[in-house]
C-alpha atoms as a PDB file:
ATOM      1  CA  MET A   1       0.351   0.150   0.271  1.00  0.00           C
ATOM      2  CA  ASN A   2       1.185   3.250  -0.739  1.00  0.00           C
ATOM      3  CA  PRO A   3       1.587   5.594   2.399  1.00  0.00           C
ATOM      4  CA  LYS A   4       0.287   8.717   0.805  1.00  0.00           C
ATOM      5  CA  GLU A   5      -2.936   7.140  -0.494  1.00  0.00           C
ATOM      6  CA  VAL A   6      -3.359   5.532   3.030  1.00  0.00           C
ATOM      7  CA  LEU A   7      -2.661   9.194   4.769  1.00  0.00           C
ATOM      8  CA  GLN A   8      -5.169  10.577   2.399  1.00  0.00           C
ATOM      9  CA  ILE A   9      -7.693   8.204   3.081  1.00  0.00           C
ATOM     10  CA  LEU A  10      -6.897   8.704   6.869  1.00  0.00           C
ATOM     11  CA  GLN A  11      -7.705  12.574   6.482  1.00  0.00           C
ATOM     12  CA  GLU A  12     -11.193  11.538   6.501  1.00  0.00           C
ATOM     13  CA  LEU A  13     -10.958  10.640  10.514  1.00  0.00           C
ATOM     14  CA  ARG A  14     -10.675  14.811  11.220  1.00  0.00           C
ATOM     15  CA  ALA A  15     -14.681  14.513  10.851  1.00  0.00           C
ATOM     16  CA  LEU A  16     -14.478  13.265  14.082  1.00  0.00           C
ATOM     17  CA  PRO A  17     -14.077  15.429  17.210  1.00  0.00           C
ATOM     18  CA  TYR A  18     -11.077  15.231  19.618  1.00  0.00           C
ATOM     19  CA  PHE A  19      -9.175  13.589  16.420  1.00  0.00           C
ATOM     20  CA  PRO A  20      -5.296  14.619  17.111  1.00  0.00           C
ATOM     21  CA  ASN A  21      -4.481  17.699  14.213  1.00  0.00           C
ATOM     22  CA  ASP A  22      -0.397  16.312  14.220  1.00  0.00           C
ATOM     23  CA  GLU A  23       1.560  15.137  11.735  1.00  0.00           C
ATOM     24  CA  TYR A  24       3.088  12.010  14.042  1.00  0.00           C
ATOM     25  CA  VAL A  25      -0.067  10.600  15.051  1.00  0.00           C
ATOM     26  CA  MET A  26      -1.230  10.709  11.562  1.00  0.00           C
ATOM     27  CA  ASN A  27       2.145   8.793  10.821  1.00  0.00           C
ATOM     28  CA  ALA A  28       2.012   6.766  13.334  1.00  0.00           C
ATOM     29  CA  LEU A  29      -1.918   5.941  12.265  1.00  0.00           C
ATOM     30  CA  VAL A  30      -0.570   5.097   8.589  1.00  0.00           C
ATOM     31  CA  LYS A  31       1.880   2.952   9.941  1.00  0.00           C
ATOM     32  CA  LEU A  32      -0.641   1.088  11.973  1.00  0.00           C
ATOM     33  CA  CYS A  33      -3.113   1.008   8.877  1.00  0.00           C
ATOM     34  CA  GLY A  34       0.009  -0.782   6.892  1.00  0.00           C
ATOM     35  CA  SER A  35       0.319  -3.330   9.420  1.00  0.00           C
ATOM     36  CA  MET A  36      -3.295  -4.658  10.222  1.00  0.00           C
ATOM     37  CA  CYS A  37      -5.035  -3.773   6.529  1.00  0.00           C
ATOM     38  CA  HIS A  38      -4.586  -5.856   3.771  1.00  0.00           C
ATOM     39  CA  SER A  39      -5.870  -3.549   1.264  1.00  0.00           C
ATOM     40  CA  LEU A  40      -6.542   0.668   0.307  1.00  0.00           C
ATOM     41  CA  GLU A  41      -9.923  -0.906   0.800  1.00  0.00           C
ATOM     42  CA  GLN A  42     -10.046  -2.178   4.056  1.00  0.00           C
ATOM     43  CA  VAL A  43      -8.574   1.454   4.930  1.00  0.00           C
ATOM     44  CA  GLN A  44     -11.252   3.066   3.443  1.00  0.00           C
ATOM     45  CA  TRP A  45     -13.843   0.735   4.679  1.00  0.00           C
ATOM     46  CA  LEU A  46     -12.370   1.330   8.290  1.00  0.00           C
ATOM     47  CA  VAL A  47     -12.296   4.892   8.367  1.00  0.00           C
ATOM     48  CA  ASN A  48     -16.149   4.969   6.677  1.00  0.00           C
ATOM     49  CA  ARG A  49     -16.829   2.366   9.402  1.00  0.00           C
ATOM     50  CA  MET A  50     -15.632   5.070  11.958  1.00  0.00           C
ATOM     51  CA  THR A  51     -17.021   8.356  10.731  1.00  0.00           C
ATOM     52  CA  SER A  52     -20.353   6.662  10.054  1.00  0.00           C
ATOM     53  CA  GLY A  53     -21.694   7.542  13.243  1.00  0.00           C
ATOM     54  CA  ILE A  54     -21.004   4.788  15.675  1.00  0.00           C
ATOM     55  CA  TYR A  55     -18.348   6.849  17.318  1.00  0.00           C
ATOM     56  CA  THR A  56     -19.247  10.444  18.174  1.00  0.00           C
ATOM     57  CA  ALA A  57     -15.757  11.420  18.867  1.00  0.00           C
ATOM     58  CA  TRP A  58     -11.998   9.978  17.727  1.00  0.00           C
ATOM     59  CA  PRO A  59     -11.782   6.736  20.080  1.00  0.00           C
ATOM     60  CA  GLY A  60      -7.825   5.930  19.768  1.00  0.00           C
ATOM     61  CA  PRO A  61      -5.634   3.515  17.709  1.00  0.00           C
ATOM     62  CA  ALA A  62      -6.821   0.554  20.012  1.00  0.00           C
ATOM     63  CA  GLU A  63     -10.551   1.051  18.973  1.00  0.00           C
ATOM     64  CA  MET A  64      -9.584   1.863  15.411  1.00  0.00           C
ATOM     65  CA  ARG A  65      -8.093  -1.721  15.789  1.00  0.00           C
ATOM     66  CA  ALA A  66     -11.114  -2.967  17.195  1.00  0.00           C
ATOM     67  CA  CYS A  67     -13.036  -1.780  14.507  1.00  0.00           C
ATOM     68  CA  LEU A  68     -11.176  -3.293  11.939  1.00  0.00           C
ATOM     69  CA  CYS A  69     -11.650  -6.650  14.088  1.00  0.00           C
ATOM     70  CA  CYS A  70     -15.274  -6.684  13.553  1.00  0.00           C
ATOM     71  CA  ARG A  71     -14.685  -7.144   9.756  1.00  0.00           C
ATOM     72  CA  TYR A  72     -11.840  -8.431   8.672  1.00  0.00           C
ATOM     73  CA  LYS A  73      -8.314 -10.427  10.157  1.00  0.00           C
ATOM     74  CA  PRO A  74      -5.811  -8.021  10.807  1.00  0.00           C
ATOM     75  CA  LYS A  75      -3.008  -8.630   8.474  1.00  0.00           C
ATOM     76  CA  ASP A  76      -0.551  -8.880  11.490  1.00  0.00           C
ATOM     77  CA  GLY A  77      -2.443 -11.487  13.785  1.00  0.00           C
ATOM     78  CA  ILE A  78      -3.204  -8.808  16.329  1.00  0.00           C
ATOM     79  CA  THR A  79      -6.501  -9.413  17.819  1.00  0.00           C
ATOM     80  CA  ALA A  80      -8.438  -6.381  20.252  1.00  0.00           C
ATOM     81  CA  TYR A  81     -12.155  -6.119  20.848  1.00  0.00           C
ATOM     82  CA  SER A  82     -14.208  -2.688  21.290  1.00  0.00           C
ATOM     83  CA  SER A  83     -14.270  -1.377  24.922  1.00  0.00           C
ATOM     84  CA  VAL A  84     -17.109   1.279  23.768  1.00  0.00           C
ATOM     85  CA  TYR A  85     -18.854  -1.390  22.471  1.00  0.00           C
ATOM     86  CA  PRO A  86     -18.252  -4.476  24.777  1.00  0.00           C
ATOM     87  CA  ASP A  87     -21.231  -6.261  23.436  1.00  0.00           C
ATOM     88  CA  GLY A  88     -20.121  -5.830  19.861  1.00  0.00           C
ATOM     89  CA  LEU A  89     -20.119  -3.277  17.186  1.00  0.00           C
ATOM     90  CA  PRO A  90     -23.580  -2.522  15.710  1.00  0.00           C
ATOM     91  CA  LYS A  91     -24.175  -4.381  13.109  1.00  0.00           C
ATOM     92  CA  ASP A  92     -22.423  -2.814   9.425  1.00  0.00           C
ATOM     93  CA  PRO A  93     -24.956  -2.482   6.745  1.00  0.00           C
ATOM     94  CA  THR A  94     -22.109  -2.778   4.258  1.00  0.00           C
ATOM     95  CA  ALA A  95     -20.867  -6.495   5.698  1.00  0.00           C
ATOM     96  CA  PRO A  96     -21.760  -9.396   3.694  1.00  0.00           C
ATOM     97  CA  PRO A  97     -24.318 -12.142   5.032  1.00  0.00           C
ATOM     98  CA  ARG A  98     -22.387 -14.272   7.304  1.00  0.00           C
ATOM     99  CA  ILE A  99     -22.023 -18.498   6.547  1.00  0.00           C
ATOM    100  CA  GLU A 100     -22.048 -20.001   9.764  1.00  0.00           C
ATOM    101  CA  GLY A 101     -19.735 -22.951   8.286  1.00  0.00           C
ATOM    102  CA  PRO A 102     -20.312 -25.289   5.413  1.00  0.00           C
ATOM    103  CA  GLN A 103     -23.236 -25.577   3.893  1.00  0.00           C
ATOM    104  CA  LEU A 104     -24.249 -29.498   3.869  1.00  0.00           C
ATOM    105  CA  LYS A 105     -26.632 -31.206   1.305  1.00  0.00           C
ATOM    106  CA  ALA A 106     -28.930 -33.275   2.570  1.00  0.00           C
ATOM    107  CA  LEU A 107     -28.504 -37.346   2.361  1.00  0.00           C
ATOM    108  CA  PRO A 108     -30.599 -38.864  -0.218  1.00  0.00           C
ATOM    109  CA  ALA A 109     -33.918 -40.528   1.205  1.00  0.00           C
ATOM    110  CA  GLY A 110     -32.869 -44.244   3.299  1.00  0.00           C
ATOM    111  CA  ALA A 111     -29.066 -43.328   3.698  1.00  0.00           C
ATOM    112  CA  SER A 112     -28.131 -42.784   7.055  1.00  0.00           C
ATOM    113  CA  GLN A 113     -24.635 -41.769   7.129  1.00  0.00           C
ATOM    114  CA  THR A 114     -23.376 -40.693   3.798  1.00  0.00           C
ATOM    115  CA  ALA A 115     -24.356 -40.568   0.234  1.00  0.00           C
ATOM    116  CA  ASP A 116     -22.625 -43.808  -0.601  1.00  0.00           C
ATOM    117  CA  ALA A 117     -24.876 -46.690  -0.649  1.00  0.00           C
ATOM    118  CA  SER A 118     -22.296 -49.096  -0.272  1.00  0.00           C
ATOM    119  CA  LEU A 119     -20.240 -47.309   2.615  1.00  0.00           C
ATOM    120  CA  ASP A 120     -23.243 -46.162   4.443  1.00  0.00           C
ATOM    121  CA  ARG A 121     -24.290 -50.379   4.174  1.00  0.00           C
ATOM    122  CA  LYS A 122     -20.942 -51.544   5.652  1.00  0.00           C
ATOM    123  CA  ILE A 123     -21.302 -48.666   8.355  1.00  0.00           C
ATOM    124  CA  ARG A 124     -24.956 -49.418   9.058  1.00  0.00           C
ATOM    125  CA  LEU A 125     -23.770 -53.224  10.038  1.00  0.00           C
ATOM    126  CA  LEU A 126     -20.669 -52.609  11.634  1.00  0.00           C
ATOM    127  CA  ALA A 127     -22.911 -50.600  14.047  1.00  0.00           C
ATOM    128  CA  ARG A 128     -25.151 -53.452  14.440  1.00  0.00           C
ATOM    129  CA  ALA A 129     -21.939 -55.555  15.259  1.00  0.00           C
ATOM    130  CA  LYS A 130     -20.733 -53.176  17.967  1.00  0.00           C
ATOM    131  CA  ASP A 131     -24.175 -52.338  19.540  1.00  0.00           C
ATOM    132  CA  LEU A 132     -23.850 -54.178  23.083  1.00  0.00           C
ATOM    133  CA  GLU A 133     -27.843 -53.899  23.914  1.00  0.00           C
ATOM    134  CA  ALA A 134     -28.677 -55.964  20.700  1.00  0.00           C
ATOM    135  CA  ARG A 135     -26.923 -58.948  21.822  1.00  0.00           C
ATOM    136  CA  PRO A 136     -26.307 -60.758  25.118  1.00  0.00           C
ATOM    137  CA  LEU A 137     -22.693 -60.467  26.212  1.00  0.00           C
ATOM    138  CA  LYS A 138     -20.666 -63.763  26.133  1.00  0.00           C
ATOM    139  CA  ARG A 139     -19.979 -64.904  29.511  1.00  0.00           C
ATOM    140  CA  THR A 140     -17.806 -68.054  30.810  1.00  0.00           C
ATOM    141  CA  PRO A 141     -20.453 -69.620  33.102  1.00  0.00           C
ATOM    142  CA  PRO A 142     -19.469 -69.621  36.848  1.00  0.00           C
ATOM    143  CA  PRO A 143     -17.461 -72.629  38.125  1.00  0.00           C
ATOM    144  CA  THR A 144     -19.312 -75.915  38.867  1.00  0.00           C
ATOM    145  CA  PRO A 145     -19.379 -76.968  42.823  1.00  0.00           C
ATOM    146  CA  ASN A 146     -17.171 -79.845  41.930  1.00  0.00           C
ATOM    147  CA  PHE A 147     -14.511 -77.573  40.302  1.00  0.00           C
ATOM    148  CA  LYS A 148     -11.044 -78.188  41.444  1.00  0.00           C
ATOM    149  CA  PRO A 149      -8.083 -75.580  40.247  1.00  0.00           C
ATOM    150  CA  VAL A 150      -5.095 -77.525  38.266  1.00  0.00           C
ATOM    151  CA  THR A 151      -2.251 -77.110  40.620  1.00  0.00           C
ATOM    152  CA  ALA A 152       1.160 -77.046  40.278  1.00  0.00           C
ATOM    153  CA  ALA A 153       1.393 -80.623  41.669  1.00  0.00           C
ATOM    154  CA  ASP A 154      -0.785 -81.938  39.553  1.00  0.00           C
ATOM    155  CA  ILE A 155       0.949 -80.619  36.569  1.00  0.00           C
ATOM    156  CA  GLU A 156       3.902 -82.535  38.016  1.00  0.00           C
ATOM    157  CA  ARG A 157       2.056 -85.290  38.533  1.00  0.00           C
ATOM    158  CA  ALA A 158       0.801 -85.036  34.832  1.00  0.00           C
ATOM    159  CA  VAL A 159       4.258 -84.718  33.328  1.00  0.00           C
ATOM    160  CA  GLU A 160       5.604 -87.890  35.387  1.00  0.00           C
ATOM    161  CA  GLU A 161       2.907 -90.349  34.110  1.00  0.00           C
ATOM    162  CA  LEU A 162       3.962 -88.954  30.864  1.00  0.00           C
ATOM    163  CA  ARG A 163       7.524 -89.220  31.426  1.00  0.00           C
ATOM    164  CA  ASP A 164       6.555 -93.009  32.611  1.00  0.00           C
ATOM    165  CA  LYS A 165       4.322 -94.046  29.848  1.00  0.00           C
ATOM    166  CA  ARG A 166       6.761 -93.254  27.290  1.00  0.00           C
ATOM    167  CA  ALA A 167       9.273 -95.159  28.693  1.00  0.00           C
ATOM    168  CA  ARG A 168       7.598 -98.010  29.027  1.00  0.00           C
ATOM    169  CA  GLU A 169       6.969 -97.846  25.203  1.00  0.00           C
ATOM    170  CA  LEU A 170      10.338 -97.779  24.529  1.00  0.00           C
ATOM    171  CA  MET A 171      11.388-100.706  26.645  1.00  0.00           C
ATOM    172  CA  THR A 172       8.117-103.028  25.232  1.00  0.00           C
ATOM    173  CA  GLY A 173       8.979-101.040  21.573  1.00  0.00           C
ATOM    174  CA  GLY A 174       5.380 -99.427  21.343  1.00  0.00           C
ATOM    175  CA  ASP A 175       3.057-101.945  22.451  1.00  0.00           C
ATOM    176  CA  ALA A 176       2.359 -99.802  25.810  1.00  0.00           C
ATOM    177  CA  ALA A 177      -1.110 -99.659  27.013  1.00  0.00           C
END
């Protein structure tokens, strides 16, 4: 942006009471606009908005930034909020209508999750398989009253019996019963 053009646009702020008529202040405002505005159109919008009647007097550079932030994202990334209007600045009649996120198309009749019929069927099948309420959980039955847990001694006894059996088979040539 050309600083002379920005300065020319900012001269309109002199219409606000108590606007400082000082070249140093004007230079600082040119720098401020250069750091936060992306284009001359944004600078012009900002000045038009500030002189539209929402401010009865010059509110200062912080409020100037807050006014810009109510419509545009500042180029320098520094966001400010209005101290004159804590609930937000009055509605800007020149602002384009806001779209609150992507507009999604409605699903075709019979589809529950996606317009892709094959994928939709797979999703429904998976949901049915994972539904814990639709089928009882498989549980192991509780131990019977005659249940006797296997102990280390039982294992050692079984190993000894197996060794004895193999030894008998070797001695008899495989005819052990």
